[in-house]
Amino acid sequence: MSTLYIVGTPIGNLGDITFRAVETFKTVDVVAAEDTRHTLQLLNHLEIKKPLVSCRSQNEEIAAQKIIRMLDEGQTVAYASDAGTPGISDPGAVLAGLARKAGHNVVPIPGPSAFASLVSVAGAGGKTLVFEGFLSPKPGRRRSRLKELLATGDAIVLYESPFRIVKLLTDIADIDSERRVVVGRELTKLHEEIVEGTAAQMRDDFAQRSKVLGEFAVFISGCKISSKNSKDFEENADN
């Protein structure tokens, strides 16, 4: 039985790497990565040289079997996604599950997460927080899922690309224009921006920008509502 380490890595600022993550990279036999080129840059920055093996979303199950064979041979492996904590809207979950099923230790090395970073500054209230990650890029599916999420009245965190952020904010505003929204852009990076307002205000803010760049995390405040109001939201959004 060997050990697979699931390692959180910086989402932008290299200073956010933990001492434990660095020590893990130094001591393992192999580093598996979502993108070996990206992780190689991080290892070079840390002056660490290790064999690298690819394990991305497109080949995760096949790559996981290769990694499990390494574990079976007694090698220790660290897995890193491109940024943040693996398995949270990133590859890693399949690998972790298969490695555990094969009888190996799977150890978390906690680190940065856009989800946790945004929630920490959003001023969230309430006991329930729904993390949905990336919604479908298809307008109908995205809007349908948003209706379901907003109807719960719980706080929600979503991820979005710069190519669809205005569409996402527009959909949120169409369903509940007054819901409080906190948008985190390029979190921990040089041009980090955190803005908040109603869904309508955030839609207007980003819609009027000549260029929208960066990766986004979006916090939607909780707003517990009755089943009647939930039905009204859906009916109004369909009109």
C-alpha atoms as a PDB file:
ATOM      1  CA  MET A   1       0.000   0.000   0.000  1.00  0.00           C
ATOM      2  CA  SER A   2       1.371   3.400  -1.007  1.00  0.00           C
ATOM      3  CA  THR A   3       0.178   7.004  -0.785  1.00  0.00           C
ATOM      4  CA  LEU A   4      -1.402   9.420  -3.231  1.00  0.00           C
ATOM      5  CA  TYR A   5      -1.301  13.059  -2.132  1.00  0.00           C
ATOM      6  CA  ILE A   6      -3.944  15.439  -3.483  1.00  0.00           C
ATOM      7  CA  VAL A   7      -2.170  18.791  -3.427  1.00  0.00           C
ATOM      8  CA  GLY A   8      -3.745  22.240  -3.513  1.00  0.00           C
ATOM      9  CA  THR A   9      -1.675  24.719  -5.546  1.00  0.00           C
ATOM     10  CA  PRO A  10      -1.882  28.511  -6.060  1.00  0.00           C
ATOM     11  CA  ILE A  11      -4.742  29.905  -8.118  1.00  0.00           C
ATOM     12  CA  GLY A  12      -2.612  32.871  -9.130  1.00  0.00           C
ATOM     13  CA  ASN A  13      -0.262  34.131  -6.467  1.00  0.00           C
ATOM     14  CA  LEU A  14       2.687  31.742  -6.094  1.00  0.00           C
ATOM     15  CA  GLY A  15       3.144  33.005  -2.544  1.00  0.00           C
ATOM     16  CA  ASP A  16       0.038  31.030  -1.563  1.00  0.00           C
ATOM     17  CA  ILE A  17       1.795  27.669  -1.886  1.00  0.00           C
ATOM     18  CA  THR A  18       1.889  25.982   1.534  1.00  0.00           C
ATOM     19  CA  PHE A  19       5.009  24.682   3.271  1.00  0.00           C
ATOM     20  CA  ARG A  20       3.391  21.260   3.381  1.00  0.00           C
ATOM     21  CA  ALA A  21       2.695  21.281  -0.368  1.00  0.00           C
ATOM     22  CA  VAL A  22       6.347  22.140  -1.091  1.00  0.00           C
ATOM     23  CA  GLU A  23       7.593  19.384   1.201  1.00  0.00           C
ATOM     24  CA  THR A  24       5.197  16.911  -0.408  1.00  0.00           C
ATOM     25  CA  PHE A  25       6.462  17.715  -3.902  1.00  0.00           C
ATOM     26  CA  LYS A  26      10.027  17.306  -2.651  1.00  0.00           C
ATOM     27  CA  THR A  27       9.498  13.908  -1.082  1.00  0.00           C
ATOM     28  CA  VAL A  28       7.233  12.028  -3.524  1.00  0.00           C
ATOM     29  CA  ASP A  29       8.567   9.840  -6.291  1.00  0.00           C
ATOM     30  CA  VAL A  30       6.267  11.137  -9.040  1.00  0.00           C
ATOM     31  CA  VAL A  31       4.112  14.221  -9.643  1.00  0.00           C
ATOM     32  CA  ALA A  32       0.920  13.704 -11.632  1.00  0.00           C
ATOM     33  CA  ALA A  33      -0.648  16.807 -13.134  1.00  0.00           C
ATOM     34  CA  GLU A  34      -3.654  18.097 -15.041  1.00  0.00           C
ATOM     35  CA  ASP A  35      -1.210  19.876 -17.360  1.00  0.00           C
ATOM     36  CA  THR A  36       2.403  18.796 -17.002  1.00  0.00           C
ATOM     37  CA  ARG A  37       3.663  21.982 -18.667  1.00  0.00           C
ATOM     38  CA  HIS A  38       1.824  24.157 -16.155  1.00  0.00           C
ATOM     39  CA  THR A  39       2.934  22.125 -13.146  1.00  0.00           C
ATOM     40  CA  LEU A  40       6.510  22.020 -14.464  1.00  0.00           C
ATOM     41  CA  GLN A  41       6.579  25.813 -14.248  1.00  0.00           C
ATOM     42  CA  LEU A  42       5.520  25.624 -10.601  1.00  0.00           C
ATOM     43  CA  LEU A  43       8.101  22.946  -9.790  1.00  0.00           C
ATOM     44  CA  ASN A  44      10.819  24.947 -11.565  1.00  0.00           C
ATOM     45  CA  HIS A  45       9.867  27.979  -9.477  1.00  0.00           C
ATOM     46  CA  LEU A  46      10.229  25.828  -6.362  1.00  0.00           C
ATOM     47  CA  GLU A  47      13.510  24.354  -7.713  1.00  0.00           C
ATOM     48  CA  ILE A  48      12.100  20.827  -7.526  1.00  0.00           C
ATOM     49  CA  LYS A  49      12.765  18.177 -10.154  1.00  0.00           C
ATOM     50  CA  LYS A  50      10.443  15.181 -10.351  1.00  0.00           C
ATOM     51  CA  PRO A  51       9.130  12.844 -13.063  1.00  0.00           C
ATOM     52  CA  LEU A  52       5.785  14.114 -14.358  1.00  0.00           C
ATOM     53  CA  VAL A  53       2.793  12.169 -15.628  1.00  0.00           C
ATOM     54  CA  SER A  54      -0.333  13.608 -17.227  1.00  0.00           C
ATOM     55  CA  CYS A  55      -3.772  13.079 -15.678  1.00  0.00           C
ATOM     56  CA  ARG A  56      -6.315  15.492 -17.170  1.00  0.00           C
ATOM     57  CA  SER A  57     -10.098  15.386 -17.371  1.00  0.00           C
ATOM     58  CA  GLN A  58     -10.069  13.943 -20.898  1.00  0.00           C
ATOM     59  CA  ASN A  59      -8.022  10.887 -19.879  1.00  0.00           C
ATOM     60  CA  GLU A  60      -8.396  10.782 -16.107  1.00  0.00           C
ATOM     61  CA  GLU A  61      -9.673   7.218 -15.761  1.00  0.00           C
ATOM     62  CA  ILE A  62      -7.024   5.770 -18.096  1.00  0.00           C
ATOM     63  CA  ALA A  63      -4.254   7.870 -16.524  1.00  0.00           C
ATOM     64  CA  ALA A  64      -5.483   6.910 -13.057  1.00  0.00           C
ATOM     65  CA  GLN A  65      -4.854   3.229 -13.829  1.00  0.00           C
ATOM     66  CA  LYS A  66      -1.255   4.072 -14.774  1.00  0.00           C
ATOM     67  CA  ILE A  67      -0.825   6.008 -11.528  1.00  0.00           C
ATOM     68  CA  ILE A  68      -2.337   3.171  -9.505  1.00  0.00           C
ATOM     69  CA  ARG A  69       0.207   0.784 -11.016  1.00  0.00           C
ATOM     70  CA  MET A  70       2.927   3.159  -9.770  1.00  0.00           C
ATOM     71  CA  LEU A  71       1.341   3.096  -6.328  1.00  0.00           C
ATOM     72  CA  ASP A  72       1.138  -0.701  -6.488  1.00  0.00           C
ATOM     73  CA  GLU A  73       4.895  -0.721  -7.103  1.00  0.00           C
ATOM     74  CA  GLY A  74       5.420   1.262  -3.892  1.00  0.00           C
ATOM     75  CA  GLN A  75       5.959   4.702  -5.402  1.00  0.00           C
ATOM     76  CA  THR A  76       4.430   7.769  -3.780  1.00  0.00           C
ATOM     77  CA  VAL A  77       2.570  10.210  -6.036  1.00  0.00           C
ATOM     78  CA  ALA A  78       1.410  13.818  -5.665  1.00  0.00           C
ATOM     79  CA  TYR A  79      -1.433  15.051  -7.858  1.00  0.00           C
ATOM     80  CA  ALA A  80      -1.900  18.728  -8.771  1.00  0.00           C
ATOM     81  CA  SER A  81      -4.495  20.363 -10.987  1.00  0.00           C
ATOM     82  CA  ASP A  82      -3.651  23.559 -12.871  1.00  0.00           C
ATOM     83  CA  ALA A  83      -4.772  25.780  -9.997  1.00  0.00           C
ATOM     84  CA  GLY A  84      -6.489  25.414  -6.654  1.00  0.00           C
ATOM     85  CA  THR A  85      -7.629  22.221  -4.996  1.00  0.00           C
ATOM     86  CA  PRO A  86      -8.063  19.152  -7.242  1.00  0.00           C
ATOM     87  CA  GLY A  87     -11.534  17.657  -7.436  1.00  0.00           C
ATOM     88  CA  ILE A  88     -13.301  21.027  -7.063  1.00  0.00           C
ATOM     89  CA  SER A  89     -14.372  21.778 -10.647  1.00  0.00           C
ATOM     90  CA  ASP A  90     -11.011  20.290 -11.611  1.00  0.00           C
ATOM     91  CA  PRO A  91      -9.765  16.764 -12.308  1.00  0.00           C
ATOM     92  CA  GLY A  92      -8.668  14.648  -9.353  1.00  0.00           C
ATOM     93  CA  ALA A  93     -11.863  13.148  -7.962  1.00  0.00           C
ATOM     94  CA  VAL A  94     -11.789  10.095 -10.246  1.00  0.00           C
ATOM     95  CA  LEU A  95      -8.132   9.437  -9.460  1.00  0.00           C
ATOM     96  CA  ALA A  96      -8.683   9.792  -5.707  1.00  0.00           C
ATOM     97  CA  GLY A  97     -11.655   7.430  -5.772  1.00  0.00           C
ATOM     98  CA  LEU A  98      -9.915   4.735  -7.808  1.00  0.00           C
ATOM     99  CA  ALA A  99      -6.744   4.942  -5.718  1.00  0.00           C
ATOM    100  CA  ARG A 100      -8.701   4.503  -2.507  1.00  0.00           C
ATOM    101  CA  LYS A 101     -10.660   1.625  -4.042  1.00  0.00           C
ATOM    102  CA  ALA A 102      -7.339  -0.015  -4.942  1.00  0.00           C
ATOM    103  CA  GLY A 103      -6.386   0.068  -1.255  1.00  0.00           C
ATOM    104  CA  HIS A 104      -3.963   2.978  -1.238  1.00  0.00           C
ATOM    105  CA  ASN A 105      -3.849   5.910   1.152  1.00  0.00           C
ATOM    106  CA  VAL A 106      -5.249   9.136  -0.298  1.00  0.00           C
ATOM    107  CA  VAL A 107      -4.052  12.140   1.700  1.00  0.00           C
ATOM    108  CA  PRO A 108      -5.267  15.735   1.232  1.00  0.00           C
ATOM    109  CA  ILE A 109      -2.703  18.523   1.237  1.00  0.00           C
ATOM    110  CA  PRO A 110      -5.038  21.525   1.640  1.00  0.00           C
ATOM    111  CA  GLY A 111      -4.384  24.671  -0.302  1.00  0.00           C
ATOM    112  CA  PRO A 112      -5.886  27.602  -2.197  1.00  0.00           C
ATOM    113  CA  SER A 113      -9.387  27.501  -3.639  1.00  0.00           C
ATOM    114  CA  ALA A 114     -11.264  30.208  -5.541  1.00  0.00           C
ATOM    115  CA  PHE A 115     -14.444  28.958  -3.891  1.00  0.00           C
ATOM    116  CA  ALA A 116     -13.133  29.363  -0.340  1.00  0.00           C
ATOM    117  CA  SER A 117     -11.357  32.618  -1.163  1.00  0.00           C
ATOM    118  CA  LEU A 118     -14.517  34.317  -2.416  1.00  0.00           C
ATOM    119  CA  VAL A 119     -16.719  33.012   0.390  1.00  0.00           C
ATOM    120  CA  SER A 120     -14.232  34.304   2.961  1.00  0.00           C
ATOM    121  CA  VAL A 121     -14.745  37.910   1.809  1.00  0.00           C
ATOM    122  CA  ALA A 122     -18.366  37.772   0.636  1.00  0.00           C
ATOM    123  CA  GLY A 123     -19.859  38.295   4.076  1.00  0.00           C
ATOM    124  CA  ALA A 124     -22.034  35.207   3.643  1.00  0.00           C
ATOM    125  CA  GLY A 125     -24.767  34.498   6.128  1.00  0.00           C
ATOM    126  CA  GLY A 126     -26.843  31.420   6.785  1.00  0.00           C
ATOM    127  CA  LYS A 127     -25.924  27.807   7.356  1.00  0.00           C
ATOM    128  CA  THR A 128     -26.267  26.453   3.838  1.00  0.00           C
ATOM    129  CA  LEU A 129     -23.957  27.194   0.935  1.00  0.00           C
ATOM    130  CA  VAL A 130     -24.349  25.472  -2.435  1.00  0.00           C
ATOM    131  CA  PHE A 131     -21.270  25.091  -4.626  1.00  0.00           C
ATOM    132  CA  GLU A 132     -22.309  24.427  -8.221  1.00  0.00           C
ATOM    133  CA  GLY A 133     -19.072  25.139 -10.090  1.00  0.00           C
ATOM    134  CA  PHE A 134     -19.513  25.743 -13.813  1.00  0.00           C
ATOM    135  CA  LEU A 135     -23.054  25.713 -15.155  1.00  0.00           C
ATOM    136  CA  SER A 136     -23.845  24.364 -18.607  1.00  0.00           C
ATOM    137  CA  PRO A 137     -22.698  26.646 -21.454  1.00  0.00           C
ATOM    138  CA  LYS A 138     -26.016  25.946 -23.157  1.00  0.00           C
ATOM    139  CA  PRO A 139     -28.377  28.885 -22.433  1.00  0.00           C
ATOM    140  CA  GLY A 140     -31.476  26.783 -21.795  1.00  0.00           C
ATOM    141  CA  ARG A 141     -29.798  24.392 -19.389  1.00  0.00           C
ATOM    142  CA  ARG A 142     -27.929  27.184 -17.619  1.00  0.00           C
ATOM    143  CA  ARG A 143     -31.085  29.208 -17.082  1.00  0.00           C
ATOM    144  CA  SER A 144     -33.098  26.185 -15.971  1.00  0.00           C
ATOM    145  CA  ARG A 145     -30.496  25.225 -13.362  1.00  0.00           C
ATOM    146  CA  LEU A 146     -30.229  28.811 -12.144  1.00  0.00           C
ATOM    147  CA  LYS A 147     -33.984  28.885 -11.559  1.00  0.00           C
ATOM    148  CA  GLU A 148     -33.700  25.750  -9.450  1.00  0.00           C
ATOM    149  CA  LEU A 149     -30.756  27.081  -7.459  1.00  0.00           C
ATOM    150  CA  LEU A 150     -32.203  30.532  -6.799  1.00  0.00           C
ATOM    151  CA  ALA A 151     -35.570  29.041  -5.828  1.00  0.00           C
ATOM    152  CA  THR A 152     -33.916  27.228  -2.894  1.00  0.00           C
ATOM    153  CA  GLY A 153     -33.116  30.554  -1.259  1.00  0.00           C
ATOM    154  CA  ASP A 154     -29.663  29.280  -0.293  1.00  0.00           C
ATOM    155  CA  ALA A 155     -26.374  31.058  -0.939  1.00  0.00           C
ATOM    156  CA  ILE A 156     -24.649  29.809  -4.088  1.00  0.00           C
ATOM    157  CA  VAL A 157     -21.127  29.908  -5.522  1.00  0.00           C
ATOM    158  CA  LEU A 158     -20.540  29.503  -9.251  1.00  0.00           C
ATOM    159  CA  TYR A 159     -17.498  29.580 -11.511  1.00  0.00           C
ATOM    160  CA  GLU A 160     -17.579  31.212 -14.945  1.00  0.00           C
ATOM    161  CA  SER A 161     -15.317  32.111 -17.837  1.00  0.00           C
ATOM    162  CA  PRO A 162     -14.825  35.646 -19.183  1.00  0.00           C
ATOM    163  CA  PHE A 163     -16.701  34.594 -22.326  1.00  0.00           C
ATOM    164  CA  ARG A 164     -19.975  33.875 -20.502  1.00  0.00           C
ATOM    165  CA  ILE A 165     -19.872  36.010 -17.355  1.00  0.00           C
ATOM    166  CA  VAL A 166     -22.205  38.684 -18.772  1.00  0.00           C
ATOM    167  CA  LYS A 167     -24.660  36.011 -19.914  1.00  0.00           C
ATOM    168  CA  LEU A 168     -24.595  34.439 -16.462  1.00  0.00           C
ATOM    169  CA  LEU A 169     -25.159  37.756 -14.685  1.00  0.00           C
ATOM    170  CA  THR A 170     -27.958  38.581 -17.126  1.00  0.00           C
ATOM    171  CA  ASP A 171     -29.685  35.288 -16.370  1.00  0.00           C
ATOM    172  CA  ILE A 172     -29.395  35.850 -12.624  1.00  0.00           C
ATOM    173  CA  ALA A 173     -30.794  39.385 -12.960  1.00  0.00           C
ATOM    174  CA  ASP A 174     -33.686  38.183 -15.115  1.00  0.00           C
ATOM    175  CA  ILE A 175     -34.687  35.701 -12.410  1.00  0.00           C
ATOM    176  CA  ASP A 176     -34.059  37.877  -9.333  1.00  0.00           C
ATOM    177  CA  SER A 177     -32.723  41.331 -10.134  1.00  0.00           C
ATOM    178  CA  GLU A 178     -32.403  42.355  -6.468  1.00  0.00           C
ATOM    179  CA  ARG A 179     -30.457  39.338  -5.227  1.00  0.00           C
ATOM    180  CA  ARG A 180     -27.076  40.386  -3.802  1.00  0.00           C
ATOM    181  CA  VAL A 181     -24.149  39.177  -5.889  1.00  0.00           C
ATOM    182  CA  VAL A 182     -20.400  39.317  -5.199  1.00  0.00           C
ATOM    183  CA  VAL A 183     -18.160  38.825  -8.222  1.00  0.00           C
ATOM    184  CA  GLY A 184     -14.520  37.821  -7.776  1.00  0.00           C
ATOM    185  CA  ARG A 185     -12.324  38.299 -10.845  1.00  0.00           C
ATOM    186  CA  GLU A 186      -8.717  37.066 -11.071  1.00  0.00           C
ATOM    187  CA  LEU A 187      -8.666  36.141  -7.379  1.00  0.00           C
ATOM    188  CA  THR A 188      -5.201  36.370  -5.744  1.00  0.00           C
ATOM    189  CA  LYS A 189      -3.675  37.680  -8.980  1.00  0.00           C
ATOM    190  CA  LEU A 190      -2.185  41.089  -9.798  1.00  0.00           C
ATOM    191  CA  HIS A 191      -5.447  42.460 -11.187  1.00  0.00           C
ATOM    192  CA  GLU A 192      -7.729  40.921  -8.567  1.00  0.00           C
ATOM    193  CA  GLU A 193     -11.127  42.590  -8.407  1.00  0.00           C
ATOM    194  CA  ILE A 194     -14.020  41.955  -6.025  1.00  0.00           C
ATOM    195  CA  VAL A 195     -17.226  43.895  -6.639  1.00  0.00           C
ATOM    196  CA  GLU A 196     -20.717  43.552  -5.267  1.00  0.00           C
ATOM    197  CA  GLY A 197     -24.230  44.832  -5.795  1.00  0.00           C
ATOM    198  CA  THR A 198     -27.602  43.603  -6.899  1.00  0.00           C
ATOM    199  CA  ALA A 199     -27.731  41.126  -9.747  1.00  0.00           C
ATOM    200  CA  ALA A 200     -28.985  43.922 -12.016  1.00  0.00           C
ATOM    201  CA  GLN A 201     -26.120  46.225 -11.006  1.00  0.00           C
ATOM    202  CA  MET A 202     -23.508  43.526 -11.616  1.00  0.00           C
ATOM    203  CA  ARG A 203     -25.028  42.731 -15.011  1.00  0.00           C
ATOM    204  CA  ASP A 204     -24.909  46.394 -16.016  1.00  0.00           C
ATOM    205  CA  ASP A 205     -21.371  46.815 -14.666  1.00  0.00           C
ATOM    206  CA  PHE A 206     -19.841  43.999 -16.701  1.00  0.00           C
ATOM    207  CA  ALA A 207     -22.060  44.484 -19.754  1.00  0.00           C
ATOM    208  CA  GLN A 208     -20.742  48.022 -20.253  1.00  0.00           C
ATOM    209  CA  ARG A 209     -17.069  47.057 -20.041  1.00  0.00           C
ATOM    210  CA  SER A 210     -15.253  47.172 -23.368  1.00  0.00           C
ATOM    211  CA  LYS A 211     -13.276  44.043 -22.483  1.00  0.00           C
ATOM    212  CA  VAL A 212     -13.831  41.364 -19.843  1.00  0.00           C
ATOM    213  CA  LEU A 213     -10.780  39.310 -18.893  1.00  0.00           C
ATOM    214  CA  GLY A 214      -9.925  36.763 -16.242  1.00  0.00           C
ATOM    215  CA  GLU A 215     -11.533  33.837 -14.466  1.00  0.00           C
ATOM    216  CA  PHE A 216     -14.578  34.435 -12.304  1.00  0.00           C
ATOM    217  CA  ALA A 217     -16.090  33.146  -9.077  1.00  0.00           C
ATOM    218  CA  VAL A 218     -19.606  34.407  -8.339  1.00  0.00           C
ATOM    219  CA  PHE A 219     -21.282  34.420  -4.931  1.00  0.00           C
ATOM    220  CA  ILE A 220     -25.080  34.772  -4.894  1.00  0.00           C
ATOM    221  CA  SER A 221     -26.508  35.593  -1.488  1.00  0.00           C
ATOM    222  CA  GLY A 222     -29.090  33.427   0.193  1.00  0.00           C
ATOM    223  CA  CYS A 223     -32.661  34.617   0.215  1.00  0.00           C
ATOM    224  CA  LYS A 224     -34.981  32.116   1.846  1.00  0.00           C
ATOM    225  CA  ILE A 225     -38.328  32.287   0.060  1.00  0.00           C
ATOM    226  CA  SER A 226     -41.650  30.550   0.271  1.00  0.00           C
ATOM    227  CA  SER A 227     -42.741  27.903  -2.200  1.00  0.00           C
ATOM    228  CA  LYS A 228     -45.268  30.400  -3.601  1.00  0.00           C
ATOM    229  CA  ASN A 229     -42.548  32.999  -4.252  1.00  0.00           C
ATOM    230  CA  SER A 230     -40.347  30.299  -5.747  1.00  0.00           C
ATOM    231  CA  LYS A 231     -43.106  29.495  -8.227  1.00  0.00           C
ATOM    232  CA  ASP A 232     -43.535  33.210  -8.997  1.00  0.00           C
ATOM    233  CA  PHE A 233     -39.798  33.514  -9.754  1.00  0.00           C
ATOM    234  CA  GLU A 234     -40.031  30.704 -12.300  1.00  0.00           C
ATOM    235  CA  GLU A 235     -43.157  32.080 -13.929  1.00  0.00           C
ATOM    236  CA  ASN A 236     -41.696  35.601 -14.192  1.00  0.00           C
ATOM    237  CA  ALA A 237     -38.430  34.271 -15.629  1.00  0.00           C
ATOM    238  CA  ASP A 238     -40.324  32.415 -18.351  1.00  0.00           C
ATOM    239  CA  ASN A 239     -42.097  35.593 -19.515  1.00  0.00           C
END
